[in-house]
N, C-alpha and C. Protein backbone atom coordinates (compact mmCIF):
# COMPACT_ATOMS: atom_id res chain seq x y z
N MET A 1 17.65 -114.66 -16.31
CA MET A 1 18.90 -113.92 -16.20
C MET A 1 20.08 -114.84 -16.48
N GLU A 2 20.00 -115.63 -17.53
CA GLU A 2 21.11 -116.54 -17.84
C GLU A 2 22.13 -115.83 -18.70
N GLY A 3 23.39 -115.97 -18.35
CA GLY A 3 24.44 -115.32 -19.12
C GLY A 3 24.51 -113.84 -18.78
N SER A 4 24.02 -113.51 -17.57
CA SER A 4 24.04 -112.11 -17.16
C SER A 4 25.27 -111.82 -16.29
N ASP A 5 25.88 -112.88 -15.78
CA ASP A 5 27.07 -112.72 -14.93
C ASP A 5 28.34 -112.85 -15.75
N ASN A 6 28.65 -111.80 -16.50
CA ASN A 6 29.88 -111.80 -17.30
C ASN A 6 29.94 -113.02 -18.22
N GLY A 7 28.79 -113.50 -18.66
CA GLY A 7 28.79 -114.64 -19.59
C GLY A 7 28.96 -115.96 -18.87
N ILE A 8 28.69 -115.96 -17.55
CA ILE A 8 28.82 -117.22 -16.80
C ILE A 8 27.52 -118.01 -16.93
N PRO A 9 27.60 -119.25 -17.40
CA PRO A 9 26.41 -120.10 -17.57
C PRO A 9 25.72 -120.36 -16.24
N PRO A 10 24.41 -120.62 -16.27
CA PRO A 10 23.61 -120.86 -15.07
C PRO A 10 24.13 -122.07 -14.30
N VAL A 11 24.82 -122.96 -14.97
CA VAL A 11 25.33 -124.17 -14.30
C VAL A 11 26.35 -123.78 -13.25
N LEU A 12 27.24 -122.86 -13.60
CA LEU A 12 28.28 -122.43 -12.65
C LEU A 12 27.64 -121.64 -11.52
N LYS A 13 26.65 -120.81 -11.87
CA LYS A 13 25.96 -120.00 -10.86
C LYS A 13 25.25 -120.90 -9.87
N THR A 14 24.58 -121.94 -10.38
CA THR A 14 23.85 -122.85 -9.50
C THR A 14 24.82 -123.64 -8.63
N GLY A 15 25.92 -124.07 -9.24
CA GLY A 15 26.92 -124.85 -8.49
C GLY A 15 27.56 -123.99 -7.40
N ALA A 16 27.79 -122.73 -7.73
CA ALA A 16 28.43 -121.83 -6.78
C ALA A 16 27.52 -121.62 -5.57
N ARG A 17 26.22 -121.60 -5.82
CA ARG A 17 25.27 -121.39 -4.72
C ARG A 17 25.29 -122.59 -3.78
N LYS A 18 25.58 -123.75 -4.30
CA LYS A 18 25.59 -124.96 -3.47
C LYS A 18 27.00 -125.24 -2.95
N GLY A 19 27.93 -124.33 -3.25
CA GLY A 19 29.29 -124.52 -2.76
C GLY A 19 30.05 -125.54 -3.60
N LEU A 20 29.55 -125.78 -4.83
CA LEU A 20 30.22 -126.76 -5.69
C LEU A 20 31.12 -126.05 -6.70
N GLN A 21 31.20 -124.72 -6.57
CA GLN A 21 32.01 -123.96 -7.52
C GLN A 21 33.46 -124.42 -7.45
N VAL A 22 33.89 -124.90 -6.29
CA VAL A 22 35.27 -125.36 -6.14
C VAL A 22 35.51 -126.58 -7.03
N ARG A 23 34.50 -127.45 -7.12
CA ARG A 23 34.63 -128.65 -7.95
C ARG A 23 34.52 -128.28 -9.42
N VAL A 24 33.71 -127.30 -9.73
CA VAL A 24 33.53 -126.90 -11.13
C VAL A 24 34.76 -126.16 -11.64
N LEU A 25 35.29 -125.27 -10.80
CA LEU A 25 36.46 -124.48 -11.21
C LEU A 25 37.75 -125.29 -11.05
N SER A 26 37.80 -126.10 -10.00
CA SER A 26 39.00 -126.90 -9.76
C SER A 26 38.64 -128.37 -9.56
N PRO A 27 38.45 -129.08 -10.66
CA PRO A 27 38.04 -130.50 -10.61
C PRO A 27 39.14 -131.37 -9.98
């Protein structure tokens, strides 16, 4: 199911699950 979230790559999805989405979205 890669690219199934509005074209969001699995990297962002995985990071978001670990609470790293803040670092990915706001470095």
